[in-house]
Amino acid sequence: MSSRRLPVPEKGFFKHLLILAVPMVLQNLVTFLVGFADNIMVGTLRETAISGVYIGNQVQTILQMIVIGVDSAMLILAAQYWGAKNTDSIKKLLVIALSISAGLAVILSVVVFIAPYGVMHLFTQDEAVIGEAMRYVTYVRWTYILFVSSQILLTGMRSVEKVRIGMYTSFISLGVNVVLNYIFIFGKLGAPAMGVAGAGLATLISRIVEFGIAFGYVLFIDGRLHFRLPDFIRSDRKLWADFFRYGAPVIAGWIVWGINNAFRGAVVGSMGSSVTAAVSIYSNCSQMANVILSGVSGALGIITGQLAGAGEVERVKNHARLAQLLLLGIGVSGCLLINLIKMPFIRLYSVSEETAVIARQILTSFSFLFIGTCVQGHAMGCTVKPGGDTRFVFINDTIFVFLFVIPAAALCRYVWNLAPWIVFTVLKSDEVLKWPVAFIKINSFNWIHNLTRSEESAGPEQITGRA
């Protein structure tokens, strides 16, 4: 291990970080505002409508978890190839990720088209909520393939440090979504008042616009990867093998989180519409809190991958120490901010006093759990995974989710029937429990590996950075 214990930022580090992070933060902000606009406008209708949109979005959440896994697997390898200046391999990795994500989206779409009621019934038994969810998902189920394709294309651009296109795309998508929400939900400009179905239709149209911009940019404007239509059918067996070798644990880890979130949705749905509405309010606050966190950690992860791909072991170590301090600062600041704004945030919704009380309790719990999210989840996500060890995080998450979180939460809800905020805290308790494991793993530095494959080599070059 280097004798330097305290991290010292390299010259130009913060400038590089800001160039990458600011557009991603703004993109995250706009993405949040799109969903927030849906939620606030729908929230003026009734609690059942809020709950229906929440339940209707559970399928999207599951798909999003899987796609984030594919996204992350691609970004880990692509960032390292960008550090090695190999753009041809990045194009092939993007096609691999697009093929996997689109295939999964098609399968999920077919399931929701064939049995929408059965799918919604998995998350709640409240027939009124299911009815609203069905109206919402009638349109949203058409967006799955568009959503995953846009995300993969924009992540491909992010891997080569073209991060502004994602921000611009999100800005346009936000504008389209908010305007159409107003028109279709409330029946303005001659359109019928569609309620939650209008929110679904607005989401569908904004996804079409989003995909059109992302696809058009990658194919006709981008000057780094120089994509052409024939590139979308190119394949590379060695890169497919590398993608599954290093990417499979990442994808599997997000599938674990998808299962965890589906279980959380089912538990929340079983506690009634007031709890479901309260958790929907938390969900929006959580997304808001993650706007800066995800942008900064995403930028840190890209830098980690570039340094590892270039074989800069000592620089990776210094970068990892600095990343932990930055994320701790974001966690503590976020905790304080959430506690300051939780009551004004809740008052944005037209909900009962019971729902408001539950939302306040849940947001208080979340504010402290957020610190753990920063210092272990995002810290390992921007160091260990992009640095080359893609298995550890998956194994760690799987152990905590299946051996503790799900059994403990099931006992709290279905056996002991504890208060909603206690059940919620147990559902997210691993965010704090994994903190010591994350600290030890990150600072061991045994996760630093170069995963790139040179033209001359038979396989990826392996370099390690053990402490």
Protein backbone atom coordinates (compact mmCIF):
# COMPACT_ATOMS: atom_id res chain seq x y z
CA MET A 1 0.00 0.00 0.00
CA SER A 2 1.15 3.49 -0.71
CA SER A 3 2.59 5.27 2.34
CA ARG A 4 0.25 8.21 1.70
CA ARG A 5 -2.81 7.72 3.87
CA LEU A 6 -4.76 10.88 3.13
CA PRO A 7 -5.90 11.30 -0.48
CA VAL A 8 -4.51 14.29 -2.36
CA PRO A 9 -6.47 15.29 -5.47
CA GLU A 10 -4.37 15.30 -8.63
CA LYS A 11 -4.09 18.48 -10.62
CA GLY A 12 -7.23 18.87 -12.70
CA PHE A 13 -9.10 16.14 -10.79
CA PHE A 14 -12.04 18.28 -9.71
CA LYS A 15 -12.30 19.89 -13.13
CA HIS A 16 -12.46 16.44 -14.76
CA LEU A 17 -14.95 15.26 -12.16
CA LEU A 18 -17.20 18.28 -12.70
CA ILE A 19 -17.08 17.95 -16.50
CA LEU A 20 -18.38 14.39 -16.13
CA ALA A 21 -20.63 14.82 -13.10
CA VAL A 22 -22.51 18.06 -13.80
CA PRO A 23 -24.25 16.86 -16.99
CA MET A 24 -25.11 13.56 -15.28
CA VAL A 25 -26.47 15.38 -12.23
CA LEU A 26 -28.59 17.59 -14.48
CA GLN A 27 -29.75 14.53 -16.43
CA ASN A 28 -30.68 12.81 -13.16
CA LEU A 29 -32.48 15.95 -12.03
CA VAL A 30 -34.55 16.11 -15.19
CA THR A 31 -35.29 12.38 -15.02
CA PHE A 32 -36.46 12.88 -11.45
CA LEU A 33 -38.59 15.86 -12.43
CA VAL A 34 -40.30 13.82 -15.16
CA GLY A 35 -41.46 11.24 -12.61
CA PHE A 36 -42.11 13.92 -10.01
CA ALA A 37 -44.37 15.82 -12.42
CA ASP A 38 -46.36 12.62 -12.96
CA ASN A 39 -46.64 12.05 -9.24
CA ILE A 40 -47.60 15.60 -8.25
CA MET A 41 -50.24 15.95 -10.98
CA VAL A 42 -51.67 12.53 -10.26
CA GLY A 43 -51.47 13.37 -6.54
CA THR A 44 -54.08 16.07 -7.03
CA LEU A 45 -56.61 13.36 -7.91
CA ARG A 46 -56.73 10.98 -4.91
CA GLU A 47 -54.59 8.60 -2.85
CA THR A 48 -55.79 5.63 -4.90
CA ALA A 49 -54.39 7.26 -8.03
CA ILE A 50 -51.00 7.86 -6.36
CA SER A 51 -50.91 4.23 -5.22
CA GLY A 52 -51.98 3.03 -8.69
CA VAL A 53 -49.10 4.85 -10.40
CA TYR A 54 -46.68 3.47 -7.78
CA ILE A 55 -47.88 -0.10 -8.33
CA GLY A 56 -47.97 0.37 -12.11
CA ASN A 57 -44.35 1.48 -12.04
CA GLN A 58 -43.16 -1.63 -10.17
CA VAL A 59 -42.74 -3.49 -13.46
CA GLN A 60 -40.71 -0.57 -14.81
CA THR A 61 -38.64 -0.63 -11.61
CA ILE A 62 -37.82 -4.32 -12.04
CA LEU A 63 -36.85 -3.75 -15.67
CA GLN A 64 -34.83 -0.71 -14.68
CA MET A 65 -32.85 -2.72 -12.13
CA ILE A 66 -31.96 -5.32 -14.77
CA VAL A 67 -31.07 -2.69 -17.35
CA ILE A 68 -28.94 -0.80 -14.83
CA GLY A 69 -27.09 -4.09 -14.37
CA VAL A 70 -26.50 -4.45 -18.11
CA ASP A 71 -25.68 -0.73 -18.29
CA SER A 72 -23.17 -1.04 -15.46
CA ALA A 73 -21.55 -4.14 -16.95
CA MET A 74 -21.09 -2.36 -20.26
CA LEU A 75 -19.84 0.83 -18.61
CA ILE A 76 -17.26 -1.03 -16.52
CA LEU A 77 -15.70 -2.63 -19.60
CA ALA A 78 -16.26 0.32 -21.93
CA ALA A 79 -14.66 2.83 -19.55
CA GLN A 80 -11.59 0.63 -19.32
CA TYR A 81 -11.46 0.31 -23.12
CA TRP A 82 -11.78 4.08 -23.36
CA GLY A 83 -8.78 4.35 -21.04
CA ALA A 84 -6.97 1.97 -23.42
CA LYS A 85 -8.13 4.05 -26.46
CA ASN A 86 -9.98 1.14 -28.09
CA THR A 87 -13.25 2.50 -29.50
CA ASP A 88 -14.01 -0.46 -31.76
CA SER A 89 -14.45 -2.73 -28.75
CA ILE A 90 -16.69 -0.12 -27.11
CA LYS A 91 -19.04 -0.19 -30.12
CA LYS A 92 -19.26 -3.98 -29.93
CA LEU A 93 -19.93 -3.85 -26.18
CA LEU A 94 -22.76 -1.37 -26.77
CA VAL A 95 -24.38 -3.72 -29.28
CA ILE A 96 -24.05 -6.64 -26.85
CA ALA A 97 -25.72 -4.62 -24.07
CA LEU A 98 -28.45 -3.40 -26.42
CA SER A 99 -29.23 -6.95 -27.56
CA ILE A 100 -29.55 -8.27 -24.00
CA SER A 101 -31.63 -5.33 -22.73
CA ALA A 102 -33.98 -5.25 -25.70
CA GLY A 103 -34.56 -9.00 -25.41
CA LEU A 104 -35.46 -8.69 -21.72
CA ALA A 105 -37.74 -5.72 -22.42
CA VAL A 106 -39.62 -7.66 -25.09
CA ILE A 107 -40.17 -10.61 -22.74
CA LEU A 108 -41.45 -8.37 -19.94
CA SER A 109 -43.68 -6.46 -22.35
CA VAL A 110 -45.27 -9.68 -23.57
CA VAL A 111 -45.96 -10.78 -19.99
CA VAL A 112 -47.63 -7.47 -19.12
CA PHE A 113 -49.66 -7.51 -22.34
CA ILE A 114 -50.88 -11.06 -21.75
CA ALA A 115 -51.64 -10.83 -18.02
CA PRO A 116 -51.66 -7.20 -16.79
CA TYR A 117 -54.11 -7.87 -13.95
CA GLY A 118 -52.11 -10.84 -12.69
CA VAL A 119 -48.91 -8.80 -12.70
CA MET A 120 -50.50 -5.89 -10.80
CA HIS A 121 -52.07 -8.35 -8.35
CA LEU A 122 -48.57 -9.50 -7.37
CA PHE A 123 -47.98 -6.12 -5.73
CA THR A 124 -51.34 -5.39 -4.10
CA GLN A 125 -54.72 -6.96 -3.42
CA ASP A 126 -56.53 -3.61 -3.30
CA GLU A 127 -58.90 -3.77 -6.28
CA ALA A 128 -59.29 0.02 -6.47
CA VAL A 129 -55.50 0.46 -6.66
CA ILE A 130 -55.21 -2.34 -9.22
CA GLY A 131 -57.84 -0.61 -11.35
CA GLU A 132 -55.83 2.62 -11.41
CA ALA A 133 -52.59 0.71 -12.05
CA MET A 134 -54.21 -1.09 -15.00
CA ARG A 135 -55.25 2.21 -16.57
CA TYR A 136 -51.72 3.57 -16.16
CA VAL A 137 -49.91 0.48 -17.44
CA THR A 138 -52.10 0.28 -20.57
CA TYR A 139 -49.79 2.88 -22.11
CA VAL A 140 -46.62 2.47 -20.07
CA ARG A 141 -46.10 -1.17 -21.16
CA TRP A 142 -45.33 0.13 -24.65
CA THR A 143 -42.38 2.12 -23.28
CA TYR A 144 -40.22 -0.73 -22.01
CA ILE A 145 -38.29 -1.38 -25.24
CA LEU A 146 -37.90 2.36 -25.88
CA PHE A 147 -36.64 2.98 -22.35
CA VAL A 148 -33.95 0.30 -22.35
CA SER A 149 -32.70 1.22 -25.83
CA SER A 150 -32.35 4.90 -24.93
CA GLN A 151 -30.56 4.08 -21.68
CA ILE A 152 -28.02 1.79 -23.34
CA LEU A 153 -27.29 4.26 -26.15
CA LEU A 154 -26.80 7.14 -23.72
CA THR A 155 -24.63 5.02 -21.41
CA GLY A 156 -22.47 4.17 -24.43
CA MET A 157 -21.98 7.89 -24.96
CA ARG A 158 -21.19 8.35 -21.27
CA SER A 159 -18.44 5.72 -21.45
CA VAL A 160 -16.55 7.91 -23.95
CA GLU A 161 -17.20 11.06 -21.88
CA LYS A 162 -20.01 12.38 -24.11
CA VAL A 163 -22.26 13.09 -21.16
CA ARG A 164 -24.08 16.23 -22.31
CA ILE A 165 -26.30 14.44 -24.82
CA GLY A 166 -27.97 12.56 -21.95
CA MET A 167 -28.64 15.87 -20.21
CA TYR A 168 -30.10 17.49 -23.33
CA THR A 169 -32.24 14.44 -24.06
CA SER A 170 -33.63 14.49 -20.53
CA PHE A 171 -34.42 18.20 -20.74
CA ILE A 172 -36.46 17.70 -23.90
CA SER A 173 -38.15 14.60 -22.46
CA LEU A 174 -39.09 16.57 -19.34
CA GLY A 175 -40.67 19.36 -21.35
CA VAL A 176 -42.71 16.94 -23.44
CA ASN A 177 -43.80 14.92 -20.42
CA VAL A 178 -44.88 17.86 -18.24
CA VAL A 179 -46.87 19.55 -21.01
CA LEU A 180 -48.59 16.33 -22.06
CA ASN A 181 -49.28 15.38 -18.43
CA TYR A 182 -51.15 18.65 -17.97
CA ILE A 183 -53.10 18.13 -21.19
CA PHE A 184 -54.02 14.45 -20.80
CA ILE A 185 -54.47 14.14 -17.02
CA PHE A 186 -56.74 17.16 -16.66
CA GLY A 187 -58.26 17.29 -20.16
CA LYS A 188 -56.86 20.58 -21.51
CA LEU A 189 -56.71 21.99 -25.06
CA GLY A 190 -59.68 19.89 -26.11
CA ALA A 191 -58.28 16.55 -24.90
CA PRO A 192 -60.43 14.34 -22.64
CA ALA A 193 -59.54 14.20 -18.92
CA MET A 194 -57.84 10.78 -18.69
CA GLY A 195 -56.51 10.79 -15.10
CA VAL A 196 -53.77 8.22 -14.49
CA ALA A 197 -54.17 6.89 -18.06
CA GLY A 198 -53.20 10.36 -19.27
CA ALA A 199 -50.00 10.18 -17.22
CA GLY A 200 -49.23 6.85 -18.91
CA LEU A 201 -49.87 8.26 -22.39
CA ALA A 202 -47.66 11.29 -21.71
CA THR A 203 -44.88 8.96 -20.54
CA LEU A 204 -45.18 6.89 -23.72
CA ILE A 205 -44.88 9.91 -26.03
CA SER A 206 -41.94 11.33 -24.07
CA ARG A 207 -40.16 7.94 -24.31
CA ILE A 208 -40.63 7.94 -28.09
CA VAL A 209 -39.06 11.39 -28.29
CA GLU A 210 -36.24 10.34 -25.96
CA PHE A 211 -35.38 7.28 -28.04
CA GLY A 212 -35.51 9.25 -31.30
CA ILE A 213 -32.99 11.79 -29.98
CA ALA A 214 -30.63 9.16 -28.51
CA PHE A 215 -30.67 6.97 -31.63
CA GLY A 216 -30.30 9.93 -33.99
CA TYR A 217 -27.36 11.33 -32.03
CA VAL A 218 -25.46 8.05 -31.86
CA LEU A 219 -25.99 7.32 -35.56
CA PHE A 220 -25.60 10.75 -37.16
CA ILE A 221 -23.88 13.21 -34.81
CA ASP A 222 -21.45 11.48 -32.42
CA GLY A 223 -17.84 11.91 -33.47
CA ARG A 224 -16.13 9.47 -31.11
CA LEU A 225 -17.58 6.05 -31.80
CA HIS A 226 -18.67 6.79 -35.39
CA PHE A 227 -21.59 4.33 -35.31
CA ARG A 228 -23.17 3.20 -38.56
CA LEU A 229 -26.15 0.92 -39.11
CA PRO A 230 -23.98 -2.14 -39.99
CA ASP A 231 -22.30 -1.79 -36.58
CA PHE A 232 -25.58 -2.83 -34.92
CA ILE A 233 -25.25 -6.34 -36.34
CA ARG A 234 -21.52 -6.81 -35.67
CA SER A 235 -20.54 -9.44 -33.13
CA ASP A 236 -17.41 -10.55 -31.32
CA ARG A 237 -17.40 -13.88 -29.52
CA LYS A 238 -14.45 -12.96 -27.31
CA LEU A 239 -16.15 -9.77 -26.14
CA TRP A 240 -19.41 -11.67 -25.54
CA ALA A 241 -17.38 -14.04 -23.35
CA ASP A 242 -15.75 -11.14 -21.51
CA PHE A 243 -19.11 -9.41 -21.09
CA PHE A 244 -20.62 -12.43 -19.39
CA ARG A 245 -17.48 -13.25 -17.44
CA TYR A 246 -17.18 -9.80 -15.91
CA GLY A 247 -20.66 -8.47 -16.49
CA ALA A 248 -22.76 -11.42 -15.33
CA PRO A 249 -22.09 -10.77 -11.62
CA VAL A 250 -23.02 -7.10 -12.11
CA ILE A 251 -26.25 -7.99 -13.93
CA ALA A 252 -27.03 -10.69 -11.37
CA GLY A 253 -26.44 -8.18 -8.58
CA TRP A 254 -29.03 -5.83 -10.03
CA ILE A 255 -31.43 -8.75 -10.52
CA VAL A 256 -31.03 -9.41 -6.79
CA TRP A 257 -31.98 -5.78 -6.19
CA GLY A 258 -34.87 -6.17 -8.60
CA ILE A 259 -36.14 -9.12 -6.55
CA ASN A 260 -35.59 -7.13 -3.37
CA ASN A 261 -37.54 -4.18 -4.77
CA ALA A 262 -40.34 -6.46 -6.00
CA PHE A 263 -40.56 -7.96 -2.51
CA ARG A 264 -40.58 -4.46 -1.03
CA GLY A 265 -43.39 -3.48 -3.41
CA ALA A 266 -45.42 -6.53 -2.41
CA VAL A 267 -44.90 -5.84 1.31
CA VAL A 268 -45.85 -2.18 0.89
CA GLY A 269 -48.88 -3.08 -1.22
CA SER A 270 -50.10 -5.46 1.49
CA MET A 271 -50.25 -2.65 4.08
CA GLY A 272 -53.00 -0.63 2.40
CA SER A 273 -53.32 2.44 0.18
CA SER A 274 -52.21 4.90 2.90
CA VAL A 275 -48.86 3.13 3.34
CA THR A 276 -48.49 2.69 -0.41
CA ALA A 277 -49.07 6.41 -0.94
CA ALA A 278 -46.60 7.25 1.85
CA VAL A 279 -43.93 5.03 0.28
CA SER A 280 -44.63 6.64 -3.10
CA ILE A 281 -43.84 10.01 -1.48
CA TYR A 282 -40.63 8.52 -0.03
CA SER A 283 -39.76 7.09 -3.45
CA ASN A 284 -39.85 10.55 -5.01
CA CYS A 285 -37.80 12.04 -2.17
CA SER A 286 -35.30 9.19 -2.56
CA GLN A 287 -34.94 9.89 -6.27
CA MET A 288 -34.39 13.57 -5.52
CA ALA A 289 -31.71 12.71 -2.94
CA ASN A 290 -29.97 10.49 -5.48
CA VAL A 291 -29.79 13.20 -8.15
CA ILE A 292 -26.38 14.48 -7.04
CA LEU A 293 -25.22 11.19 -5.51
CA SER A 294 -25.71 9.15 -8.68
CA GLY A 295 -24.12 11.81 -10.88
CA VAL A 296 -21.01 12.13 -8.72
CA SER A 297 -20.60 8.38 -8.14
CA GLY A 298 -21.17 7.74 -11.87
CA ALA A 299 -18.41 10.19 -12.75
CA LEU A 300 -16.10 8.69 -10.12
CA GLY A 301 -16.77 5.24 -11.57
CA ILE A 302 -15.85 6.34 -15.09
CA ILE A 303 -12.56 7.78 -13.82
CA THR A 304 -11.84 4.57 -11.86
CA GLY A 305 -12.41 2.47 -14.98
CA GLN A 306 -10.22 4.70 -17.14
CA LEU A 307 -7.34 4.57 -14.66
CA ALA A 308 -7.64 0.79 -14.23
CA GLY A 309 -7.79 0.30 -18.01
CA ALA A 310 -4.64 2.38 -18.37
CA GLY A 311 -2.88 0.32 -15.67
CA GLU A 312 -2.49 3.26 -13.24
CA VAL A 313 -2.67 1.27 -9.99
CA GLU A 314 -1.37 3.91 -7.55
CA ARG A 315 -3.64 6.56 -9.05
CA VAL A 316 -6.61 4.21 -8.63
CA LYS A 317 -5.78 3.80 -4.93
CA ASN A 318 -5.57 7.54 -4.32
CA HIS A 319 -8.77 8.05 -6.31
CA ALA A 320 -10.61 5.41 -4.23
CA ARG A 321 -9.63 7.06 -0.94
CA LEU A 322 -10.79 10.44 -2.23
CA ALA A 323 -14.05 8.95 -3.52
CA GLN A 324 -14.91 7.58 -0.08
CA LEU A 325 -14.46 11.00 1.54
CA LEU A 326 -16.55 12.74 -1.11
CA LEU A 327 -19.38 10.23 -0.78
CA LEU A 328 -19.34 10.45 3.02
CA GLY A 329 -19.74 14.21 2.71
CA ILE A 330 -22.68 13.77 0.32
CA GLY A 331 -24.27 11.25 2.71
CA VAL A 332 -24.10 13.49 5.78
CA SER A 333 -25.26 16.55 3.83
CA GLY A 334 -28.13 14.57 2.32
CA CYS A 335 -29.23 13.33 5.73
CA LEU A 336 -29.46 16.88 7.07
CA LEU A 337 -31.24 18.18 3.96
CA ILE A 338 -33.86 15.40 3.94
CA ASN A 339 -34.75 16.17 7.55
CA LEU A 340 -35.08 19.86 6.73
CA ILE A 341 -37.38 19.47 3.74
CA LYS A 342 -39.42 16.38 4.61
CA MET A 343 -42.49 18.22 5.90
CA PRO A 344 -42.71 20.79 3.06
CA PHE A 345 -42.17 17.89 0.64
CA ILE A 346 -45.04 15.88 2.10
CA ARG A 347 -47.32 18.93 1.94
CA LEU A 348 -46.94 18.97 -1.84
CA TYR A 349 -49.31 15.98 -1.89
CA SER A 350 -53.04 15.97 -1.21
CA VAL A 351 -53.03 13.09 1.28
CA SER A 352 -54.73 12.23 4.56
CA GLU A 353 -53.19 12.97 7.94
CA GLU A 354 -52.55 9.24 8.44
CA THR A 355 -50.57 9.05 5.20
CA ALA A 356 -48.65 12.23 6.07
CA VAL A 357 -47.61 10.80 9.47
CA ILE A 358 -46.41 7.54 7.93
CA ALA A 359 -44.50 9.44 5.22
CA ARG A 360 -42.78 11.59 7.85
CA GLN A 361 -41.68 8.52 9.83
CA ILE A 362 -40.39 6.79 6.72
CA LEU A 363 -38.48 9.86 5.50
CA THR A 364 -36.85 10.27 8.92
CA SER A 365 -35.62 6.69 8.77
CA PHE A 366 -34.51 7.11 5.16
CA SER A 367 -32.46 10.21 5.97
CA PHE A 368 -30.07 8.20 8.18
CA LEU A 369 -30.06 5.15 5.91
CA PHE A 370 -28.98 7.48 3.09
CA ILE A 371 -25.54 7.85 4.69
CA GLY A 372 -25.07 4.09 4.44
CA THR A 373 -26.21 4.14 0.81
CA CYS A 374 -23.45 6.63 0.03
CA VAL A 375 -20.55 5.11 1.93
CA GLN A 376 -21.07 1.49 0.97
CA GLY A 377 -23.37 1.03 -2.03
CA HIS A 378 -22.19 3.90 -4.18
CA ALA A 379 -18.64 3.77 -2.80
CA MET A 380 -18.20 0.16 -3.94
CA GLY A 381 -20.12 0.91 -7.13
CA CYS A 382 -17.64 3.61 -8.17
CA THR A 383 -14.47 1.82 -7.08
CA VAL A 384 -14.63 -1.97 -6.72
CA LYS A 385 -16.84 -2.73 -9.73
CA PRO A 386 -15.33 -0.38 -12.33
CA GLY A 387 -11.90 -1.16 -10.90
CA GLY A 388 -12.24 -4.78 -12.07
CA ASP A 389 -13.78 -6.90 -9.28
CA THR A 390 -17.33 -7.43 -10.48
CA ARG A 391 -18.12 -10.49 -8.32
CA PHE A 392 -17.65 -9.24 -4.78
CA VAL A 393 -20.51 -6.73 -4.71
CA PHE A 394 -22.93 -9.32 -6.13
CA ILE A 395 -21.95 -11.92 -3.50
CA ASN A 396 -22.14 -9.36 -0.69
CA ASP A 397 -25.56 -8.05 -1.76
CA THR A 398 -26.97 -11.54 -2.25
CA ILE A 399 -25.94 -12.66 1.24
CA PHE A 400 -27.46 -9.64 2.96
CA VAL A 401 -30.68 -9.52 0.90
CA PHE A 402 -31.63 -13.20 1.04
CA LEU A 403 -30.23 -14.17 4.43
CA PHE A 404 -31.27 -11.09 6.37
CA VAL A 405 -33.39 -8.40 4.68
CA ILE A 406 -36.17 -10.51 3.16
CA PRO A 407 -36.58 -12.95 6.10
CA ALA A 408 -36.43 -10.18 8.72
CA ALA A 409 -38.85 -7.94 6.84
CA ALA A 410 -41.26 -10.85 6.32
CA LEU A 411 -41.25 -11.51 10.07
CA CYS A 412 -41.78 -7.83 10.89
CA ARG A 413 -44.71 -7.51 8.47
CA TYR A 414 -46.50 -10.86 8.38
CA VAL A 415 -45.73 -12.35 11.82
CA TRP A 416 -45.26 -9.43 14.21
CA ASN A 417 -47.28 -6.87 12.19
CA LEU A 418 -44.99 -4.00 13.22
CA ALA A 419 -45.43 -0.34 12.29
CA PRO A 420 -44.86 0.56 8.59
CA TRP A 421 -41.78 2.68 9.31
CA ILE A 422 -40.13 -0.22 11.16
CA VAL A 423 -40.85 -2.61 8.30
CA PHE A 424 -39.45 -0.04 5.86
CA THR A 425 -36.29 0.39 7.95
CA VAL A 426 -35.70 -3.36 8.02
CA LEU A 427 -36.26 -3.54 4.24
CA LYS A 428 -33.39 -1.08 3.77
CA SER A 429 -31.24 -1.99 6.80
CA ASP A 430 -28.53 -3.58 4.68
CA GLU A 431 -27.55 -0.07 3.54
CA VAL A 432 -25.98 0.38 6.99
CA LEU A 433 -25.08 -3.24 7.83
CA LYS A 434 -22.81 -3.55 4.76
CA TRP A 435 -20.80 -0.46 5.66
CA PRO A 436 -17.92 -2.26 7.53
CA VAL A 437 -17.63 -4.84 4.75
CA ALA A 438 -17.42 -2.09 2.13
CA PHE A 439 -14.76 -0.17 4.06
CA ILE A 440 -12.53 -3.22 4.43
CA LYS A 441 -12.96 -4.29 0.81
CA ILE A 442 -12.34 -0.90 -0.77
CA ASN A 443 -9.23 -0.23 1.29
CA SER A 444 -7.74 -3.66 0.62
CA PHE A 445 -7.24 -2.56 -3.03
CA ASN A 446 -7.25 -6.21 -4.14
CA TRP A 447 -10.00 -5.34 -6.61
CA ILE A 448 -7.86 -3.44 -9.13
CA HIS A 449 -7.71 -5.36 -12.43
CA ASN A 450 -7.26 -4.35 -16.05
CA LEU A 451 -10.08 -6.09 -17.93
CA THR A 452 -9.26 -4.86 -21.44
CA ARG A 453 -8.36 -7.21 -24.26
CA SER A 454 -5.61 -6.08 -26.62
CA GLU A 455 -5.57 -7.16 -30.25
CA GLU A 456 -2.42 -9.22 -29.67
CA SER A 457 -3.41 -10.87 -26.41
CA ALA A 458 -5.42 -14.02 -25.97
CA GLY A 459 -7.31 -12.53 -23.09
CA PRO A 460 -7.69 -9.54 -20.79
CA GLU A 461 -4.54 -8.27 -19.14
CA GLN A 462 -4.71 -8.84 -15.38
CA ILE A 463 -2.93 -6.45 -13.06
CA THR A 464 -3.71 -6.26 -9.39
CA GLY A 465 -3.31 -3.59 -6.79
CA ARG A 466 -3.17 -5.42 -3.51
CA ALA A 467 -2.53 -3.28 -0.49
